[in-house]
Amino acid sequence: MKNKQVLNVINPSTGETLTELSVDDADSALNKLSKAQALFAEKSRQLPLHERIAILEKLVLQIANEHESFAMTIAEEGGKPLCDARIEVSRAVAGIRTTIATVSEQHGNVIPMGYQQSSSGRIAFTQVSPRGVVLAFSAFNHPLNLIIHQIIPAFASGCPCVVKPAPDTPMSCIKLIEAMYEVGVPEDYISYVITADLNIADALVRSKELAFFSFIGSAKVGWMLRSRLQPGVRCALEHGGVAPCIVSSSADMSKAIPAITKGAFYHAGQVCVSTQRVYVEESIYLQFVEQLTSAIRALKTGAATEEATDVGPLIRPQEALRVHQWVKEAEHMGAVIAVGGEPPKDNFYQPTLLLSPSLDAKASCEEIFGPVLCVYPVRDLDHALELANVAPYAFQASIFTEQLDEVYRAYAAFDASAIMVNDHTAFRDDAMPFAGLNVSGLGVGGIAYTLEEMQFEKMLVLNQH
């Protein structure tokens, strides 16, 4: 008899084992997809829209009643500071409400007929219809809210869904799905796969039983998995980038300093649109660096569950070590370390500020996914935009300025899908479109946009002759 395999979920703040979870083997994982497909194929088992909405309304109350418990789970398994974990739970609740509002107002279209003789006497219209089984792979950095953005639109649109949470942070996903079962979601509608086995992940992606694949994670893995999909399977890929920020000489420092500090060091920089590169006009560069240095030094690094913590741990000790190696490489290539740069302690890496690292240093040109910020002096806005657009990644960008013409120039020139004005690059509202361009992703995230991608317009043409 084979030994039962388990996955140890580790608290990155303390190194302690939070729980041991039984893992799925290939047969178990693929069976969950098969059950989802069988449900979708049997129309009599599908829940009508009004029942799905009623269930989601109950789910809103369920999560709201367990708000602090969800937040503590996020902090313990993911290392996100408790203050930010609480915000994530609130966003999750808001995301479900947004889903209810969006799906309640969905409608098809009337197609014009009769404007030429060949279509006279006909009426044509469309209604939205679910594509089929959704397979979702999620990431560790927002272990509740990312899952919400993947499986709640799937359920609302009538698509059965199998989700594989990140192996570092499966507890938030399981807690959410158990809450869904409690409020009436049939198990075959939503199920989860627990595994860190890449072969099992590959087998799931290759299945002929899925219609839509949702992936949140690294670009290298996401683009590789896309190549494994069967013909006809739609997909959405959400990766990351090296988000640029420009600080104009007209910028209000009282807005720029706290916002950039938050955007760079929120969740220890483990955010796909974390502010990583800042370009500051030379006339205010020294003033900016002085104030930013003070703001970074004031951040408290510590266990995620401590109320005073601003910056928690990285998800694994090897990630903290990798970040340090990138910082030391940047220093070797000429960067000045203004703050931080000390060797990691377990999973913890102190917030670090690099001044003028080489453009070829990994800390500048690759997604560092850690608490490191690069700052450069620039001649003017055109120089800043030139440097901001050198990376193959394109996601969100920002500019701090009090000049409207600079806003328009940046909006036109930034290689990005979203430009924030007087805010950090990591700002996101769950109703917004959220789309990586180029290497940074494929498709559009955001509740309404995900609902749209998981459905299609099915047309009926009536011939009255």
Protein backbone atom coordinates (compact mmCIF):
# COMPACT_ATOMS: atom_id res chain seq x y z
CA MET A 1 0.00 0.00 0.00
CA LYS A 2 1.40 3.39 -1.03
CA ASN A 3 2.10 6.00 1.62
CA LYS A 4 -0.44 8.79 1.42
CA GLN A 5 1.22 11.94 0.14
CA VAL A 6 0.67 15.19 2.01
CA LEU A 7 1.38 18.84 1.41
CA ASN A 8 2.76 20.79 4.36
CA VAL A 9 1.47 24.37 4.51
CA ILE A 10 4.14 26.53 6.14
CA ASN A 11 3.71 29.86 7.91
CA PRO A 12 6.37 32.02 6.20
CA SER A 13 6.58 34.32 9.21
CA THR A 14 7.50 31.57 11.68
CA GLY A 15 8.45 28.50 9.66
CA GLU A 16 5.90 26.40 11.54
CA THR A 17 3.65 23.89 9.78
CA LEU A 18 0.08 25.19 9.79
CA THR A 19 -1.52 22.04 8.44
CA GLU A 20 -0.96 18.89 6.41
CA LEU A 21 -3.23 18.40 3.42
CA SER A 22 -3.78 15.23 1.41
CA VAL A 23 -2.76 15.79 -2.19
CA ASP A 24 -4.53 14.70 -5.35
CA ASP A 25 -2.93 12.14 -7.60
CA ALA A 26 -3.46 12.32 -11.37
CA ASP A 27 -6.56 10.11 -11.33
CA SER A 28 -8.20 12.14 -8.57
CA ALA A 29 -7.45 15.46 -10.27
CA LEU A 30 -8.67 14.39 -13.70
CA ASN A 31 -11.77 12.81 -12.17
CA LYS A 32 -12.79 16.21 -10.81
CA LEU A 33 -12.59 17.65 -14.33
CA SER A 34 -14.67 14.73 -15.62
CA LYS A 35 -17.35 15.33 -13.00
CA ALA A 36 -17.47 19.01 -13.91
CA GLN A 37 -17.84 18.16 -17.59
CA ALA A 38 -20.59 15.62 -16.84
CA LEU A 39 -22.49 18.29 -14.90
CA PHE A 40 -22.16 20.76 -17.75
CA ALA A 41 -23.30 18.20 -20.31
CA GLU A 42 -26.44 17.34 -18.34
CA LYS A 43 -28.57 20.45 -18.70
CA SER A 44 -31.11 19.33 -16.08
CA ARG A 45 -28.41 19.49 -13.37
CA GLN A 46 -27.38 23.05 -14.13
CA LEU A 47 -28.55 25.74 -11.74
CA PRO A 48 -30.68 28.51 -13.24
CA LEU A 49 -29.34 32.04 -12.99
CA HIS A 50 -31.67 33.15 -10.20
CA GLU A 51 -30.51 30.25 -8.01
CA ARG A 52 -26.85 31.05 -8.68
CA ILE A 53 -27.47 34.67 -7.71
CA ALA A 54 -29.28 33.65 -4.52
CA ILE A 55 -26.37 31.41 -3.55
CA LEU A 56 -23.86 34.20 -4.16
CA GLU A 57 -25.91 36.56 -2.01
CA LYS A 58 -25.69 34.02 0.83
CA LEU A 59 -21.96 33.68 0.22
CA VAL A 60 -21.48 37.44 0.69
CA LEU A 61 -23.01 37.16 4.16
CA GLN A 62 -21.04 34.01 4.97
CA ILE A 63 -17.66 35.60 4.19
CA ALA A 64 -18.59 38.88 5.86
CA ASN A 65 -19.46 36.94 9.03
CA GLU A 66 -16.06 35.21 8.93
CA HIS A 67 -14.10 38.29 7.90
CA GLU A 68 -11.43 38.13 10.61
CA SER A 69 -11.00 34.37 10.26
CA PHE A 70 -10.36 34.71 6.52
CA ALA A 71 -7.93 37.57 7.15
CA MET A 72 -5.97 35.56 9.69
CA THR A 73 -5.75 32.61 7.27
CA ILE A 74 -4.34 34.91 4.58
CA ALA A 75 -1.80 36.37 6.99
CA GLU A 76 -0.71 33.01 8.38
CA GLU A 77 -0.30 31.06 5.15
CA GLY A 78 0.66 33.89 2.79
CA GLY A 79 2.64 36.27 4.99
CA LYS A 80 0.53 39.27 4.02
CA PRO A 81 0.39 41.78 6.90
CA LEU A 82 -2.89 41.54 8.75
CA CYS A 83 -3.90 45.10 7.91
CA ASP A 84 -3.65 44.27 4.20
CA ALA A 85 -5.18 40.80 4.64
CA ARG A 86 -8.30 42.43 6.05
CA ILE A 87 -8.51 44.66 2.99
CA GLU A 88 -8.20 41.57 0.78
CA VAL A 89 -11.21 39.98 2.48
CA SER A 90 -13.23 43.17 2.02
CA ARG A 91 -12.26 43.20 -1.65
CA ALA A 92 -13.32 39.57 -1.96
CA VAL A 93 -16.77 40.41 -0.60
CA ALA A 94 -16.99 43.40 -2.95
CA GLY A 95 -15.95 41.17 -5.85
CA ILE A 96 -18.84 38.79 -5.22
CA ARG A 97 -21.23 41.73 -5.04
CA THR A 98 -19.83 43.06 -8.32
CA THR A 99 -20.34 39.64 -9.88
CA ILE A 100 -23.98 39.56 -8.76
CA ALA A 101 -24.61 43.04 -10.14
CA THR A 102 -22.90 42.28 -13.45
CA VAL A 103 -24.49 38.93 -14.12
CA SER A 104 -27.92 40.31 -13.17
CA GLU A 105 -27.69 42.89 -15.94
CA GLN A 106 -26.24 40.71 -18.68
CA HIS A 107 -28.15 40.65 -21.91
CA GLY A 108 -27.60 39.68 -25.47
CA ASN A 109 -28.16 41.76 -28.56
CA VAL A 110 -30.77 42.19 -31.25
CA ILE A 111 -29.16 41.73 -34.66
CA PRO A 112 -30.60 44.00 -37.36
CA MET A 113 -32.50 42.09 -40.04
CA GLY A 114 -34.52 43.16 -43.04
CA TYR A 115 -32.23 45.93 -44.21
CA GLN A 116 -31.59 43.84 -47.29
CA GLN A 117 -33.94 41.49 -49.17
CA SER A 118 -32.09 38.32 -48.20
CA SER A 119 -32.78 38.86 -44.47
CA SER A 120 -36.34 40.16 -44.72
CA GLY A 121 -38.92 38.43 -42.57
CA ARG A 122 -36.36 37.33 -40.01
CA ILE A 123 -35.69 38.22 -36.41
CA ALA A 124 -32.28 37.56 -34.81
CA PHE A 125 -31.05 37.96 -31.26
CA THR A 126 -28.37 36.62 -28.94
CA GLN A 127 -28.22 35.52 -25.33
CA VAL A 128 -25.12 34.83 -23.24
CA SER A 129 -24.21 31.20 -22.78
CA PRO A 130 -21.46 29.53 -20.69
CA ARG A 131 -18.45 28.18 -22.56
CA GLY A 132 -18.02 25.07 -20.44
CA VAL A 133 -15.66 23.73 -17.81
CA VAL A 134 -13.17 26.24 -16.39
CA LEU A 135 -9.75 25.20 -15.08
CA ALA A 136 -8.10 27.83 -12.87
CA PHE A 137 -4.53 27.91 -11.58
CA SER A 138 -4.01 30.61 -8.97
CA ALA A 139 -1.12 32.39 -7.25
CA PHE A 140 -0.03 32.76 -3.62
CA ASN A 141 0.11 36.52 -3.25
CA HIS A 142 -3.66 37.15 -2.98
CA PRO A 143 -4.82 33.68 -1.96
CA LEU A 144 -8.48 34.63 -1.48
CA ASN A 145 -9.15 37.48 -3.87
CA LEU A 146 -7.46 35.93 -6.90
CA ILE A 147 -9.53 32.79 -6.39
CA ILE A 148 -12.64 34.99 -6.16
CA HIS A 149 -11.78 36.54 -9.52
CA GLN A 150 -11.46 33.12 -11.12
CA ILE A 151 -14.14 30.86 -9.66
CA ILE A 152 -16.94 33.28 -8.77
CA PRO A 153 -17.40 34.51 -12.38
CA ALA A 154 -17.22 30.86 -13.48
CA PHE A 155 -20.02 29.85 -11.10
CA ALA A 156 -22.09 32.94 -11.88
CA SER A 157 -21.87 32.32 -15.62
CA GLY A 158 -22.85 28.65 -15.28
CA CYS A 159 -19.39 27.19 -15.91
CA PRO A 160 -18.38 24.32 -13.60
CA CYS A 161 -14.86 25.01 -12.34
CA VAL A 162 -11.86 23.11 -11.01
CA VAL A 163 -9.29 25.31 -9.27
CA LYS A 164 -5.71 24.55 -8.27
CA PRO A 165 -4.53 27.02 -5.62
CA ALA A 166 -0.85 27.79 -5.20
CA PRO A 167 0.68 24.99 -3.09
CA ASP A 168 2.06 27.60 -0.66
CA THR A 169 -1.39 29.03 0.10
CA PRO A 170 -4.20 26.48 -0.36
CA MET A 171 -6.02 27.15 2.92
CA SER A 172 -7.79 30.35 1.83
CA CYS A 173 -9.06 28.60 -1.29
CA ILE A 174 -10.32 25.60 0.66
CA LYS A 175 -11.98 27.85 3.23
CA LEU A 176 -13.77 29.76 0.45
CA ILE A 177 -14.97 26.63 -1.35
CA GLU A 178 -16.18 25.05 1.88
CA ALA A 179 -18.16 28.24 2.49
CA MET A 180 -19.63 27.88 -1.01
CA TYR A 181 -20.71 24.33 -0.24
CA GLU A 182 -22.33 25.51 2.99
CA VAL A 183 -24.50 28.05 1.13
CA GLY A 184 -25.65 25.55 -1.48
CA VAL A 185 -23.09 25.24 -4.29
CA PRO A 186 -23.13 21.61 -5.55
CA GLU A 187 -19.69 20.02 -5.19
CA ASP A 188 -19.31 19.19 -8.89
CA TYR A 189 -19.87 22.86 -9.73
CA ILE A 190 -16.74 23.92 -7.84
CA SER A 191 -13.91 21.64 -6.74
CA TYR A 192 -10.26 22.08 -5.87
CA VAL A 193 -7.09 20.15 -6.63
CA ILE A 194 -4.26 20.15 -4.10
CA THR A 195 -0.92 19.38 -5.71
CA ALA A 196 2.55 20.75 -6.28
CA ASP A 197 3.22 18.11 -8.97
CA LEU A 198 3.88 19.77 -12.33
CA ASN A 199 3.00 16.55 -14.17
CA ILE A 200 -0.50 16.62 -12.69
CA ALA A 201 -0.87 20.30 -13.58
CA ASP A 202 0.24 19.48 -17.13
CA ALA A 203 -2.28 16.61 -17.39
CA LEU A 204 -5.10 18.91 -16.29
CA VAL A 205 -4.19 21.56 -18.84
CA ARG A 206 -3.99 18.99 -21.64
CA SER A 207 -7.48 17.62 -20.89
CA LYS A 208 -10.09 17.64 -23.66
CA GLU A 209 -12.78 18.32 -21.06
CA LEU A 210 -12.04 21.96 -20.39
CA ALA A 211 -13.25 24.96 -22.32
CA PHE A 212 -11.46 27.82 -20.55
CA PHE A 213 -8.13 28.03 -18.75
CA SER A 214 -7.42 30.83 -16.26
CA PHE A 215 -3.82 31.18 -15.10
CA ILE A 216 -2.27 33.63 -12.64
CA GLY A 217 1.46 33.26 -12.09
CA SER A 218 4.85 33.56 -13.76
CA ALA A 219 5.13 34.35 -17.45
CA LYS A 220 7.48 31.43 -18.07
CA VAL A 221 4.99 28.89 -16.70
CA GLY A 222 1.86 30.56 -18.09
CA TRP A 223 3.02 30.78 -21.69
CA MET A 224 4.32 27.20 -21.51
CA LEU A 225 0.98 25.89 -20.23
CA ARG A 226 -0.91 27.78 -22.92
CA SER A 227 0.99 25.75 -25.51
CA ARG A 228 -0.39 22.57 -23.93
CA LEU A 229 -4.07 23.48 -24.39
CA GLN A 230 -6.27 21.54 -26.79
CA PRO A 231 -7.43 23.37 -29.94
CA GLY A 232 -10.37 25.62 -29.18
CA VAL A 233 -9.71 26.08 -25.45
CA ARG A 234 -9.85 29.75 -24.55
CA CYS A 235 -7.48 31.12 -21.93
CA ALA A 236 -6.55 34.13 -19.85
CA LEU A 237 -3.00 34.60 -18.58
CA GLU A 238 -2.11 37.10 -15.88
CA HIS A 239 1.62 37.53 -15.27
CA GLY A 240 3.66 40.40 -13.92
CA GLY A 241 6.07 43.13 -14.88
CA VAL A 242 8.55 45.75 -13.73
CA ALA A 243 6.07 48.54 -13.22
CA PRO A 244 7.44 52.06 -13.91
CA CYS A 245 6.56 55.28 -12.13
CA ILE A 246 7.48 58.82 -13.16
CA VAL A 247 7.82 61.71 -10.69
CA SER A 248 7.59 65.08 -12.40
CA SER A 249 9.21 68.21 -11.01
CA SER A 250 5.66 69.49 -10.46
CA ALA A 251 4.72 66.48 -8.29
CA ASP A 252 3.24 66.94 -4.84
CA MET A 253 5.72 65.10 -2.60
CA SER A 254 3.11 64.65 0.11
CA LYS A 255 1.21 62.45 -2.35
CA ALA A 256 4.14 60.80 -4.11
CA ILE A 257 6.26 59.59 -1.19
CA PRO A 258 3.63 57.60 0.76
CA ALA A 259 2.01 56.24 -2.38
CA ILE A 260 5.26 55.03 -3.93
CA THR A 261 6.37 53.54 -0.61
CA LYS A 262 3.12 51.59 -0.44
CA GLY A 263 3.23 50.57 -4.10
CA ALA A 264 6.77 49.24 -3.84
CA PHE A 265 6.64 47.47 -0.48
CA TYR A 266 3.02 46.33 -0.21
CA HIS A 267 3.09 42.58 0.54
CA ALA A 268 6.91 42.75 0.46
CA GLY A 269 6.80 43.61 -3.24
CA GLN A 270 5.12 40.31 -4.11
CA VAL A 271 2.55 41.91 -6.38
CA CYS A 272 2.44 41.62 -10.17
CA VAL A 273 2.10 45.41 -10.61
CA SER A 274 4.33 46.40 -7.68
CA THR A 275 6.18 49.68 -8.29
CA GLN A 276 9.73 48.63 -9.20
CA ARG A 277 11.28 51.49 -11.20
CA VAL A 278 10.91 55.20 -10.40
CA TYR A 279 12.16 57.95 -12.72
CA VAL A 280 12.54 61.34 -11.02
CA GLU A 281 13.31 64.66 -12.69
CA GLU A 282 16.82 65.82 -11.76
CA SER A 283 15.69 69.10 -10.21
CA ILE A 284 13.89 67.29 -7.37
CA TYR A 285 15.87 64.02 -7.31
CA LEU A 286 17.90 64.63 -4.14
CA GLN A 287 14.87 65.91 -2.25
CA PHE A 288 12.83 62.92 -3.39
CA VAL A 289 15.50 60.37 -2.41
CA GLU A 290 15.92 61.96 1.02
CA GLN A 291 12.20 61.83 1.78
CA LEU A 292 11.76 58.36 0.30
CA THR A 293 14.68 57.03 2.33
CA SER A 294 13.08 58.31 5.53
CA ALA A 295 9.72 56.75 4.60
CA ILE A 296 11.31 53.36 3.87
CA ARG A 297 13.31 53.37 7.11
CA ALA A 298 10.06 53.94 9.01
CA LEU A 299 8.49 50.72 7.70
CA LYS A 300 8.23 47.92 10.26
CA THR A 301 9.22 44.47 9.02
CA GLY A 302 7.85 41.56 11.00
CA ALA A 303 5.44 38.66 11.33
CA ALA A 304 2.33 39.11 9.22
CA THR A 305 -0.02 38.53 12.14
CA GLU A 306 1.40 41.43 14.18
CA GLU A 307 -0.82 44.50 13.99
CA ALA A 308 2.11 46.93 13.58
CA THR A 309 3.75 45.09 10.65
CA ASP A 310 4.05 46.99 7.38
CA VAL A 311 6.24 44.50 5.48
CA GLY A 312 5.90 40.78 6.07
CA PRO A 313 8.00 37.84 4.92
CA LEU A 314 8.60 36.55 1.44
CA ILE A 315 6.76 33.35 0.70
CA ARG A 316 9.86 31.09 0.87
CA PRO A 317 13.40 31.51 2.23
CA GLN A 318 14.90 30.76 -1.18
CA GLU A 319 12.97 33.72 -2.59
CA ALA A 320 14.48 36.03 0.03
CA LEU A 321 17.92 34.69 -0.90
CA ARG A 322 17.25 35.21 -4.61
CA VAL A 323 16.17 38.81 -4.01
CA HIS A 324 19.38 39.45 -2.07
CA GLN A 325 21.46 37.98 -4.88
CA TRP A 326 19.79 40.33 -7.35
CA VAL A 327 20.46 43.30 -5.05
CA LYS A 328 24.14 42.36 -4.69
CA GLU A 329 24.40 41.92 -8.46
CA ALA A 330 22.97 45.43 -8.92
CA GLU A 331 25.46 46.81 -6.40
CA HIS A 332 28.33 45.06 -8.19
CA MET A 333 27.12 46.66 -11.44
CA GLY A 334 27.24 50.16 -9.93
CA ALA A 335 24.03 50.71 -7.94
CA VAL A 336 24.13 52.56 -4.64
CA ILE A 337 22.20 50.87 -1.82
CA ALA A 338 20.53 53.75 0.02
CA VAL A 339 18.45 51.59 2.36
CA GLY A 340 18.50 47.87 3.18
CA GLY A 341 20.55 45.39 1.22
CA GLU A 342 21.38 43.27 4.25
CA PRO A 343 21.39 39.46 3.98
CA PRO A 344 17.96 37.89 4.60
CA LYS A 345 16.90 36.34 7.86
CA ASP A 346 14.83 33.26 7.04
CA ASN A 347 11.98 34.58 4.84
CA PHE A 348 12.48 38.23 5.77
CA TYR A 349 14.21 40.80 3.58
CA GLN A 350 14.45 44.41 4.65
CA PRO A 351 12.90 47.00 2.29
CA THR A 352 15.71 48.06 -0.04
CA LEU A 353 16.27 51.16 -2.15
CA LEU A 354 18.68 51.02 -5.10
CA LEU A 355 19.88 54.25 -6.72
CA SER A 356 20.70 54.20 -10.43
CA PRO A 357 21.25 50.46 -10.94
CA SER A 358 22.40 49.40 -14.38
CA LEU A 359 19.50 49.01 -16.78
CA ASP A 360 20.78 45.47 -17.38
CA ALA A 361 20.71 44.50 -13.69
CA LYS A 362 18.02 41.91 -12.94
CA ALA A 363 16.65 44.14 -10.17
CA SER A 364 15.83 46.71 -12.84
CA CYS A 365 14.87 44.74 -15.93
CA GLU A 366 13.24 41.59 -14.49
CA GLU A 367 10.32 41.24 -12.10
CA ILE A 368 12.00 41.05 -8.70
CA PHE A 369 8.85 40.11 -6.72
CA GLY A 370 10.45 41.34 -3.53
CA PRO A 371 10.78 44.51 -1.42
CA VAL A 372 13.24 46.33 -3.70
CA LEU A 373 12.79 49.68 -5.44
CA CYS A 374 15.03 51.21 -8.13
CA VAL A 375 15.19 55.01 -8.49
CA TYR A 376 16.79 56.95 -11.37
CA PRO A 377 17.32 60.65 -12.09
CA VAL A 378 16.09 61.76 -15.52
CA ARG A 379 16.41 64.96 -17.55
CA ASP A 380 12.72 65.40 -18.30
CA LEU A 381 9.47 63.58 -19.02
CA ASP A 382 10.55 62.39 -22.46
CA HIS A 383 13.70 60.84 -20.98
CA ALA A 384 11.61 59.14 -18.28
CA LEU A 385 9.16 57.68 -20.79
CA GLU A 386 12.00 56.43 -22.96
CA LEU A 387 13.47 54.49 -20.02
CA ALA A 388 10.08 53.33 -18.72
CA ASN A 389 9.25 51.53 -21.95
CA VAL A 390 12.45 49.51 -22.42
CA ALA A 391 11.21 46.30 -20.77
CA PRO A 392 9.30 43.57 -22.67
CA TYR A 393 6.65 43.70 -19.94
CA ALA A 394 3.67 46.05 -20.02
CA PHE A 395 1.00 46.17 -17.34
CA GLN A 396 0.32 49.17 -15.10
CA ALA A 397 2.30 52.41 -14.82
CA SER A 398 1.95 55.68 -12.94
CA ILE A 399 2.93 59.34 -12.98
CA PHE A 400 2.98 61.97 -10.25
CA THR A 401 2.41 65.42 -11.66
CA GLU A 402 0.28 68.53 -11.21
CA GLN A 403 0.40 69.34 -14.93
CA LEU A 404 -2.48 68.14 -17.10
CA ASP A 405 -0.41 68.20 -20.28
CA GLU A 406 2.07 65.79 -18.66
CA VAL A 407 -0.79 63.45 -17.82
CA TYR A 408 -1.86 63.34 -21.46
CA ARG A 409 1.70 62.89 -22.72
CA ALA A 410 2.31 60.03 -20.32
CA TYR A 411 -1.02 58.42 -21.12
CA ALA A 412 -0.22 58.48 -24.81
CA ALA A 413 3.37 57.27 -24.48
CA PHE A 414 3.40 54.70 -21.65
CA ASP A 415 3.60 51.11 -22.85
CA ALA A 416 0.96 49.92 -20.39
CA SER A 417 -2.68 48.87 -20.20
CA ALA A 418 -3.48 51.24 -17.31
CA ILE A 419 -1.89 54.51 -16.17
CA MET A 420 -2.42 55.82 -12.64
CA VAL A 421 -2.14 59.55 -11.98
CA ASN A 422 -0.89 60.61 -8.55
CA ASP A 423 -1.20 57.03 -7.34
CA HIS A 424 1.04 53.98 -7.23
CA THR A 425 1.19 51.33 -9.93
CA ALA A 426 -0.35 48.63 -7.71
CA PHE A 427 -3.70 50.37 -7.36
CA ARG A 428 -6.57 48.15 -8.40
CA ASP A 429 -10.31 48.21 -8.02
CA ASP A 430 -11.96 44.88 -8.70
CA ALA A 431 -14.35 46.35 -11.26
CA MET A 432 -11.41 47.62 -13.37
CA PRO A 433 -10.09 45.81 -16.43
CA PHE A 434 -6.76 44.25 -15.46
CA ALA A 435 -4.66 43.21 -18.41
CA GLY A 436 -1.01 42.45 -18.94
CA LEU A 437 0.27 43.24 -22.42
CA ASN A 438 3.17 41.71 -24.35
CA VAL A 439 4.95 39.19 -22.09
CA SER A 440 2.79 40.27 -19.14
CA GLY A 441 -0.34 38.40 -20.11
CA LEU A 442 -3.22 37.53 -22.41
CA GLY A 443 -6.88 38.45 -22.10
CA VAL A 444 -8.51 40.81 -19.63
CA GLY A 445 -9.10 40.26 -15.92
CA GLY A 446 -11.58 42.03 -13.68
CA ILE A 447 -14.96 40.60 -12.69
CA ALA A 448 -17.05 41.90 -15.60
CA TYR A 449 -14.37 41.14 -18.17
CA THR A 450 -13.79 37.62 -16.86
CA LEU A 451 -17.53 36.95 -16.99
CA GLU A 452 -17.52 38.07 -20.60
CA GLU A 453 -14.60 35.82 -21.52
CA MET A 454 -16.15 32.76 -19.86
CA GLN A 455 -19.32 33.16 -21.96
CA PHE A 456 -20.25 33.66 -25.58
CA GLU A 457 -23.23 35.15 -27.37
CA LYS A 458 -25.43 32.40 -28.80
CA MET A 459 -27.66 33.54 -31.66
CA LEU A 460 -31.17 32.54 -32.66
CA VAL A 461 -32.56 33.48 -36.09
CA LEU A 462 -36.32 33.19 -36.61
CA ASN A 463 -37.64 33.00 -40.15
CA GLN A 464 -41.25 34.28 -40.18
CA HIS A 465 -41.93 33.37 -43.80
